[in-house]
Amino acid sequence: QVQLVESGGGLVQPGGSLRLSCAASGTIFSLRSGSWHRQAPGHQRELIAAISTTGNTNYADSVKGRFTISRDNAKNTVYLQMNSLNAEDTAVYYCHVWTSLGKDYWGQGTQVTVSS
């Protein structure tokens, strides 16, 4: 059984930073690609950052230059470093990964609230 455990969300003031983690455990062998998505109230879930098997990254325009996606292959973990946060970044953040077994999984979601 595979589990994705997200952590690092919470309440932060505008201009602050948070680092989200998404750790995969179980029979996955290894992660291939990973991505982070977010869903704000009343909005559709959107893809904001992705990292490929080779480490190439892509970002939505709304987070480019502020967010950084990375991975630790030894720990089967994907991270999202979020800087210069603002109220528009308030949302539930989800990670999504593809494993070397050809299956994909979603994290349970972690709330990020940006407010003074």
Protein backbone atom coordinates (compact mmCIF):
# COMPACT_ATOMS: atom_id res chain seq x y z
CA GLN A 1 0.00 0.00 0.00
CA VAL A 2 1.26 3.46 -0.90
CA GLN A 3 0.79 6.55 1.21
CA LEU A 4 1.53 10.18 0.43
CA VAL A 5 1.87 12.31 3.51
CA GLU A 6 1.86 16.06 3.09
CA SER A 7 3.11 18.45 5.73
CA GLY A 8 4.21 22.04 6.17
CA GLY A 9 1.00 23.96 5.66
CA GLY A 10 -0.36 26.51 8.08
CA LEU A 11 -1.02 30.18 8.71
CA VAL A 12 1.55 32.71 7.53
CA GLN A 13 1.62 36.48 7.22
CA PRO A 14 1.81 38.18 3.82
CA GLY A 15 5.38 38.19 2.60
CA GLY A 16 6.22 35.09 4.59
CA SER A 17 7.43 31.66 3.55
CA LEU A 18 6.41 28.05 3.94
CA ARG A 19 7.90 24.77 2.81
CA LEU A 20 5.57 21.94 1.92
CA SER A 21 6.70 18.32 1.91
CA CYS A 22 5.16 15.29 0.25
CA ALA A 23 6.64 12.00 1.38
CA ALA A 24 5.79 8.73 -0.31
CA SER A 25 5.99 5.45 1.54
CA GLY A 26 5.15 1.87 0.76
CA THR A 27 5.84 -0.19 -2.31
CA ILE A 28 6.64 2.50 -4.82
CA PHE A 29 10.25 1.65 -5.63
CA SER A 30 10.91 5.23 -6.63
CA LEU A 31 9.27 8.46 -7.67
CA ARG A 32 9.30 9.46 -11.31
CA SER A 33 7.70 12.86 -11.54
CA GLY A 34 5.91 15.05 -9.05
CA SER A 35 3.75 18.12 -9.01
CA TRP A 36 1.90 20.47 -6.70
CA HIS A 37 -1.63 21.69 -7.24
CA ARG A 38 -3.85 24.00 -5.26
CA GLN A 39 -7.53 24.68 -4.91
CA ALA A 40 -8.92 27.87 -3.47
CA PRO A 41 -12.56 28.17 -2.34
CA GLY A 42 -14.82 28.56 -5.36
CA HIS A 43 -12.04 27.76 -7.80
CA GLN A 44 -10.93 24.71 -9.73
CA ARG A 45 -7.81 22.82 -8.75
CA GLU A 46 -4.85 24.21 -10.65
CA LEU A 47 -1.38 22.90 -11.41
CA ILE A 48 1.23 25.28 -10.04
CA ALA A 49 4.57 23.44 -10.17
CA ALA A 50 5.96 20.23 -11.66
CA ILE A 51 9.26 18.40 -11.65
CA SER A 52 10.15 15.70 -14.13
CA THR A 53 12.10 12.50 -13.76
CA THR A 54 15.22 14.34 -14.91
CA GLY A 55 14.64 17.29 -12.60
CA ASN A 56 13.26 19.75 -15.12
CA THR A 57 10.77 22.12 -13.52
CA ASN A 58 7.80 24.13 -14.71
CA TYR A 59 5.68 26.71 -12.94
CA ALA A 60 2.40 28.49 -13.36
CA ASP A 61 2.81 32.18 -14.07
CA SER A 62 1.10 32.99 -10.78
CA VAL A 63 3.93 31.44 -8.73
CA LYS A 64 6.94 31.74 -11.03
CA GLY A 65 9.86 33.38 -9.28
CA ARG A 66 8.33 32.84 -5.82
CA PHE A 67 7.86 29.07 -5.54
CA THR A 68 10.45 26.33 -6.04
CA ILE A 69 9.71 22.64 -6.49
CA SER A 70 12.40 20.11 -5.67
CA ARG A 71 12.81 16.44 -4.87
CA ASP A 72 14.91 14.14 -2.73
CA ASN A 73 15.05 10.80 -4.49
CA ALA A 74 16.60 9.03 -1.53
CA LYS A 75 13.66 10.05 0.64
CA ASN A 76 10.99 9.72 -2.07
CA THR A 77 9.91 13.22 -1.18
CA VAL A 78 8.83 16.22 -3.20
CA TYR A 79 9.03 19.72 -1.74
CA LEU A 80 7.50 23.10 -2.50
CA GLN A 81 9.31 26.13 -1.15
CA MET A 82 6.94 29.09 -1.15
CA ASN A 83 8.26 32.63 -0.67
CA SER A 84 6.68 36.08 -0.81
CA LEU A 85 3.29 34.62 -0.04
CA ASN A 86 0.18 36.73 -0.50
CA ALA A 87 -3.53 36.34 0.18
CA GLU A 88 -4.13 34.95 -3.32
CA ASP A 89 -1.97 31.95 -2.39
CA THR A 90 -4.49 30.85 0.24
CA ALA A 91 -5.70 27.41 -0.79
CA VAL A 92 -5.51 23.71 -0.09
CA TYR A 93 -2.30 22.38 -1.62
CA TYR A 94 -2.09 18.85 -3.03
CA CYS A 95 0.87 16.87 -4.24
CA HIS A 96 0.64 14.36 -7.06
CA VAL A 97 3.31 11.83 -7.96
CA TRP A 98 3.97 9.15 -10.53
CA THR A 99 5.97 6.14 -9.38
CA SER A 100 8.34 3.83 -11.20
CA LEU A 101 5.56 1.22 -11.10
CA GLY A 102 3.52 3.41 -13.44
CA LYS A 103 0.91 4.42 -10.89
CA ASP A 104 -0.03 7.86 -9.64
CA TYR A 105 -1.14 9.06 -6.23
CA TRP A 106 -2.54 12.20 -4.66
CA GLY A 107 -1.75 13.58 -1.24
CA GLN A 108 -4.49 14.35 1.26
CA GLY A 109 -4.05 18.11 0.93
CA THR A 110 -2.66 20.68 3.32
CA GLN A 111 -4.18 24.06 4.06
CA VAL A 112 -2.14 27.19 3.46
CA THR A 113 -3.63 30.44 4.75
CA VAL A 114 -1.96 33.78 4.14
CA SER A 115 -3.36 36.45 6.41
CA SER A 116 -2.27 39.19 8.75
